[in-house]
Amino acid sequence: MPPKHYAKVARFMFAVSLKTARPSLSWTNVSHQAGYFDQMHLVKDFKALTAAPPSALLDQLALCGFQPSDLEDPVLLAAGVPGPLVEAAGLSVA
């Protein structure tokens, strides 16, 4: 995978993790915290990688039984604060 595509996928996964961990955040806040220039840039990547806009993807995840608690909070992990999955596995984020 080319580095540019890898970066796009990683940023996309961070945005999905952030929104599912913190559903009260607006898509604008998610896009800025994930490193997108603006919300349209986020939407463009979502459509390119999933063929669906962000809200449709989250609806599909909910239909599959996905819960926000299935993920660690990416902001807390980046700050070195372990979440339930990290603690259960006995791992360190530092």
N, C-alpha and C. Protein backbone atom coordinates (compact mmCIF):
# COMPACT_ATOMS: atom_id res chain seq x y z
N MET A 1 0.86 -1.17 0.00
CA MET A 1 0.00 0.00 0.00
C MET A 1 0.91 1.24 0.00
N PRO A 2 0.65 2.16 -0.90
CA PRO A 2 1.45 3.39 -0.94
C PRO A 2 1.28 4.20 0.35
N PRO A 3 2.28 4.93 0.76
CA PRO A 3 2.22 5.71 2.00
C PRO A 3 1.04 6.68 2.07
N LYS A 4 0.73 7.33 0.95
CA LYS A 4 -0.39 8.29 0.93
C LYS A 4 -1.71 7.59 1.25
N HIS A 5 -1.91 6.41 0.65
CA HIS A 5 -3.15 5.66 0.88
C HIS A 5 -3.20 5.16 2.32
N TYR A 6 -2.06 4.70 2.83
CA TYR A 6 -2.00 4.26 4.22
C TYR A 6 -2.40 5.40 5.15
N ALA A 7 -1.87 6.59 4.90
CA ALA A 7 -2.20 7.76 5.73
C ALA A 7 -3.69 8.07 5.66
N LYS A 8 -4.27 7.94 4.47
CA LYS A 8 -5.71 8.20 4.31
C LYS A 8 -6.53 7.20 5.12
N VAL A 9 -6.16 5.92 5.05
CA VAL A 9 -6.88 4.88 5.79
C VAL A 9 -6.71 5.08 7.29
N ALA A 10 -5.50 5.40 7.74
CA ALA A 10 -5.26 5.61 9.16
C ALA A 10 -6.07 6.79 9.69
N ARG A 11 -6.11 7.87 8.94
CA ARG A 11 -6.89 9.05 9.36
C ARG A 11 -8.38 8.72 9.38
N PHE A 12 -8.83 7.97 8.38
CA PHE A 12 -10.22 7.53 8.31
C PHE A 12 -10.58 6.68 9.54
N MET A 13 -9.71 5.72 9.88
CA MET A 13 -9.97 4.85 11.03
C MET A 13 -9.98 5.65 12.33
N PHE A 14 -9.10 6.63 12.43
CA PHE A 14 -9.10 7.48 13.62
C PHE A 14 -10.42 8.24 13.72
N ALA A 15 -10.90 8.78 12.60
CA ALA A 15 -12.16 9.53 12.60
C ALA A 15 -13.33 8.63 13.00
N VAL A 16 -13.38 7.42 12.47
CA VAL A 16 -14.45 6.48 12.84
C VAL A 16 -14.37 6.14 14.32
N SER A 17 -13.17 5.86 14.81
CA SER A 17 -12.99 5.54 16.22
C SER A 17 -13.41 6.69 17.11
N LEU A 18 -13.02 7.89 16.72
CA LEU A 18 -13.35 9.07 17.51
C LEU A 18 -14.85 9.30 17.56
N LYS A 19 -15.51 9.21 16.43
CA LYS A 19 -16.97 9.45 16.40
C LYS A 19 -17.72 8.37 17.15
N THR A 20 -17.29 7.12 17.04
CA THR A 20 -18.01 6.06 17.75
C THR A 20 -17.74 6.11 19.25
N ALA A 21 -16.54 6.53 19.63
CA ALA A 21 -16.22 6.63 21.05
C ALA A 21 -16.88 7.86 21.69
N ARG A 22 -17.06 8.90 20.90
CA ARG A 22 -17.65 10.15 21.39
C ARG A 22 -18.74 10.62 20.43
N PRO A 23 -19.90 9.95 20.46
CA PRO A 23 -20.96 10.29 19.50
C PRO A 23 -21.50 11.71 19.61
N SER A 24 -21.27 12.36 20.74
CA SER A 24 -21.77 13.73 20.89
C SER A 24 -20.95 14.74 20.10
N LEU A 25 -19.75 14.37 19.66
CA LEU A 25 -18.94 15.29 18.85
C LEU A 25 -19.58 15.51 17.49
N SER A 26 -19.52 16.73 17.02
CA SER A 26 -20.03 17.01 15.68
C SER A 26 -19.04 16.47 14.66
N TRP A 27 -19.51 16.26 13.42
CA TRP A 27 -18.62 15.80 12.37
C TRP A 27 -17.53 16.84 12.08
N THR A 28 -17.85 18.11 12.29
CA THR A 28 -16.84 19.16 12.09
C THR A 28 -15.72 18.99 13.10
N ASN A 29 -16.07 18.77 14.36
CA ASN A 29 -15.04 18.56 15.38
C ASN A 29 -14.23 17.30 15.10
N VAL A 30 -14.91 16.23 14.69
CA VAL A 30 -14.21 14.99 14.36
C VAL A 30 -13.23 15.23 13.23
N SER A 31 -13.68 15.93 12.20
CA SER A 31 -12.81 16.15 11.04
C SER A 31 -11.55 16.94 11.43
N HIS A 32 -11.71 17.94 12.26
CA HIS A 32 -10.55 18.75 12.67
C HIS A 32 -9.61 17.96 13.59
N GLN A 33 -10.18 17.19 14.53
CA GLN A 33 -9.34 16.42 15.44
C GLN A 33 -8.63 15.27 14.72
N ALA A 34 -9.22 14.79 13.63
CA ALA A 34 -8.60 13.69 12.87
C ALA A 34 -7.58 14.22 11.85
N GLY A 35 -7.45 15.52 11.74
CA GLY A 35 -6.44 16.09 10.84
C GLY A 35 -6.93 16.43 9.44
N TYR A 36 -8.23 16.44 9.24
CA TYR A 36 -8.77 16.86 7.95
C TYR A 36 -8.80 18.38 7.88
N PHE A 37 -8.67 18.91 6.68
CA PHE A 37 -8.71 20.36 6.50
C PHE A 37 -10.10 20.91 6.83
N ASP A 38 -11.13 20.19 6.40
CA ASP A 38 -12.50 20.58 6.69
C ASP A 38 -13.39 19.34 6.62
N GLN A 39 -14.68 19.53 6.93
CA GLN A 39 -15.62 18.41 6.97
C GLN A 39 -15.80 17.79 5.59
N MET A 40 -15.78 18.57 4.53
CA MET A 40 -15.95 18.03 3.18
C MET A 40 -14.82 17.07 2.82
N HIS A 41 -13.62 17.37 3.28
CA HIS A 41 -12.48 16.49 3.04
C HIS A 41 -12.72 15.13 3.71
N LEU A 42 -13.27 15.16 4.94
CA LEU A 42 -13.63 13.92 5.64
C LEU A 42 -14.68 13.15 4.86
N VAL A 43 -15.72 13.84 4.41
CA VAL A 43 -16.80 13.18 3.65
C VAL A 43 -16.25 12.56 2.37
N LYS A 44 -15.37 13.28 1.70
CA LYS A 44 -14.76 12.77 0.46
C LYS A 44 -14.00 11.47 0.72
N ASP A 45 -13.22 11.42 1.80
CA ASP A 45 -12.49 10.20 2.13
C ASP A 45 -13.43 9.07 2.51
N PHE A 46 -14.47 9.38 3.27
CA PHE A 46 -15.45 8.35 3.64
C PHE A 46 -16.07 7.74 2.39
N LYS A 47 -16.48 8.59 1.47
CA LYS A 47 -17.10 8.08 0.24
C LYS A 47 -16.12 7.29 -0.61
N ALA A 48 -14.86 7.74 -0.64
CA ALA A 48 -13.85 7.03 -1.44
C ALA A 48 -13.53 5.66 -0.85
N LEU A 49 -13.52 5.56 0.47
CA LEU A 49 -13.11 4.30 1.11
C LEU A 49 -14.28 3.35 1.39
N THR A 50 -15.48 3.89 1.51
CA THR A 50 -16.62 3.03 1.87
C THR A 50 -17.80 3.14 0.92
N ALA A 51 -17.75 4.08 -0.02
CA ALA A 51 -18.86 4.35 -0.93
C ALA A 51 -20.11 4.82 -0.17
N ALA A 52 -19.91 5.40 1.00
CA ALA A 52 -21.04 5.89 1.80
C ALA A 52 -20.60 7.12 2.57
N PRO A 53 -21.53 8.03 2.83
CA PRO A 53 -21.20 9.18 3.67
C PRO A 53 -21.03 8.72 5.12
N PRO A 54 -20.41 9.54 5.97
CA PRO A 54 -20.15 9.14 7.36
C PRO A 54 -21.36 8.65 8.13
N SER A 55 -22.46 9.36 8.06
CA SER A 55 -23.63 8.95 8.84
C SER A 55 -24.16 7.60 8.40
N ALA A 56 -24.12 7.30 7.12
CA ALA A 56 -24.59 6.00 6.63
C ALA A 56 -23.70 4.87 7.14
N LEU A 57 -22.40 5.12 7.21
CA LEU A 57 -21.49 4.10 7.71
C LEU A 57 -21.79 3.79 9.17
N LEU A 58 -22.00 4.81 9.96
CA LEU A 58 -22.30 4.59 11.38
C LEU A 58 -23.63 3.88 11.56
N ASP A 59 -24.60 4.19 10.70
CA ASP A 59 -25.88 3.47 10.75
C ASP A 59 -25.68 1.99 10.44
N GLN A 60 -24.84 1.69 9.45
CA GLN A 60 -24.55 0.30 9.10
C GLN A 60 -23.83 -0.41 10.24
N LEU A 61 -22.90 0.26 10.88
CA LEU A 61 -22.21 -0.34 12.02
C LEU A 61 -23.19 -0.65 13.15
N ALA A 62 -24.13 0.25 13.39
CA ALA A 62 -25.13 0.03 14.44
C ALA A 62 -26.01 -1.17 14.10
N LEU A 63 -26.38 -1.33 12.83
CA LEU A 63 -27.20 -2.48 12.42
C LEU A 63 -26.47 -3.80 12.63
N CYS A 64 -25.16 -3.76 12.55
CA CYS A 64 -24.34 -4.97 12.74
C CYS A 64 -24.10 -5.26 14.22
N GLY A 65 -24.61 -4.41 15.09
CA GLY A 65 -24.44 -4.62 16.52
C GLY A 65 -23.18 -4.00 17.09
N PHE A 66 -22.53 -3.14 16.31
CA PHE A 66 -21.32 -2.48 16.79
C PHE A 66 -21.68 -1.48 17.86
N GLN A 67 -20.94 -1.49 18.95
CA GLN A 67 -21.15 -0.54 20.03
C GLN A 67 -19.92 0.35 20.19
N PRO A 68 -20.10 1.61 20.53
CA PRO A 68 -18.94 2.48 20.74
C PRO A 68 -17.96 1.91 21.76
N SER A 69 -18.47 1.16 22.72
CA SER A 69 -17.59 0.58 23.74
C SER A 69 -16.70 -0.52 23.18
N ASP A 70 -16.94 -0.94 21.93
CA ASP A 70 -16.09 -1.95 21.30
C ASP A 70 -14.71 -1.40 20.95
N LEU A 71 -14.56 -0.09 20.99
CA LEU A 71 -13.29 0.56 20.65
C LEU A 71 -12.72 1.30 21.85
N GLU A 72 -11.45 1.49 21.82
CA GLU A 72 -10.81 2.36 22.80
C GLU A 72 -11.04 3.80 22.34
N ASP A 73 -11.01 4.73 23.25
CA ASP A 73 -11.13 6.14 22.91
C ASP A 73 -9.78 6.58 22.34
N PRO A 74 -9.72 6.94 21.06
CA PRO A 74 -8.44 7.25 20.44
C PRO A 74 -7.74 8.47 21.03
N VAL A 75 -8.50 9.42 21.53
CA VAL A 75 -7.89 10.62 22.11
C VAL A 75 -7.21 10.25 23.43
N LEU A 76 -7.87 9.43 24.22
CA LEU A 76 -7.26 9.02 25.49
C LEU A 76 -6.04 8.14 25.25
N LEU A 77 -6.11 7.24 24.27
CA LEU A 77 -4.95 6.40 23.96
C LEU A 77 -3.77 7.26 23.52
N ALA A 78 -4.03 8.27 22.69
CA ALA A 78 -2.96 9.15 22.24
C ALA A 78 -2.33 9.92 23.40
N ALA A 79 -3.14 10.17 24.43
CA ALA A 79 -2.64 10.88 25.61
C ALA A 79 -1.98 9.93 26.61
N GLY A 80 -1.99 8.63 26.31
CA GLY A 80 -1.36 7.66 27.20
C GLY A 80 -2.26 7.14 28.29
N VAL A 81 -3.57 7.36 28.17
CA VAL A 81 -4.52 6.88 29.16
C VAL A 81 -5.13 5.57 28.64
N PRO A 82 -4.87 4.45 29.31
CA PRO A 82 -5.40 3.18 28.80
C PRO A 82 -6.90 3.08 28.98
N GLY A 83 -7.54 2.42 28.04
CA GLY A 83 -8.96 2.15 28.11
C GLY A 83 -9.19 0.72 28.57
N PRO A 84 -10.46 0.27 28.56
CA PRO A 84 -10.78 -1.06 29.08
C PRO A 84 -10.11 -2.21 28.33
N LEU A 85 -9.98 -2.11 27.02
CA LEU A 85 -9.37 -3.20 26.26
C LEU A 85 -7.88 -3.30 26.56
N VAL A 86 -7.22 -2.17 26.65
CA VAL A 86 -5.79 -2.15 26.95
C VAL A 86 -5.54 -2.69 28.35
N GLU A 87 -6.35 -2.27 29.31
CA GLU A 87 -6.18 -2.73 30.67
C GLU A 87 -6.47 -4.23 30.78
N ALA A 88 -7.51 -4.70 30.11
CA ALA A 88 -7.86 -6.12 30.16
C ALA A 88 -6.75 -6.99 29.59
N ALA A 89 -6.05 -6.48 28.59
CA ALA A 89 -4.96 -7.24 27.98
C ALA A 89 -3.66 -7.09 28.75
N GLY A 90 -3.64 -6.21 29.75
CA GLY A 90 -2.43 -5.99 30.53
C GLY A 90 -1.35 -5.29 29.75
N LEU A 91 -1.74 -4.46 28.78
CA LEU A 91 -0.78 -3.76 27.95
C LEU A 91 -0.55 -2.34 28.45
N SER A 92 0.46 -1.71 27.89
CA SER A 92 0.77 -0.33 28.22
C SER A 92 0.65 0.50 26.96
N VAL A 93 0.15 1.72 27.06
CA VAL A 93 0.05 2.60 25.90
C VAL A 93 1.20 3.59 25.84
N ALA A 94 2.01 3.62 26.85
CA ALA A 94 3.13 4.56 26.88
C ALA A 94 4.30 4.07 26.06
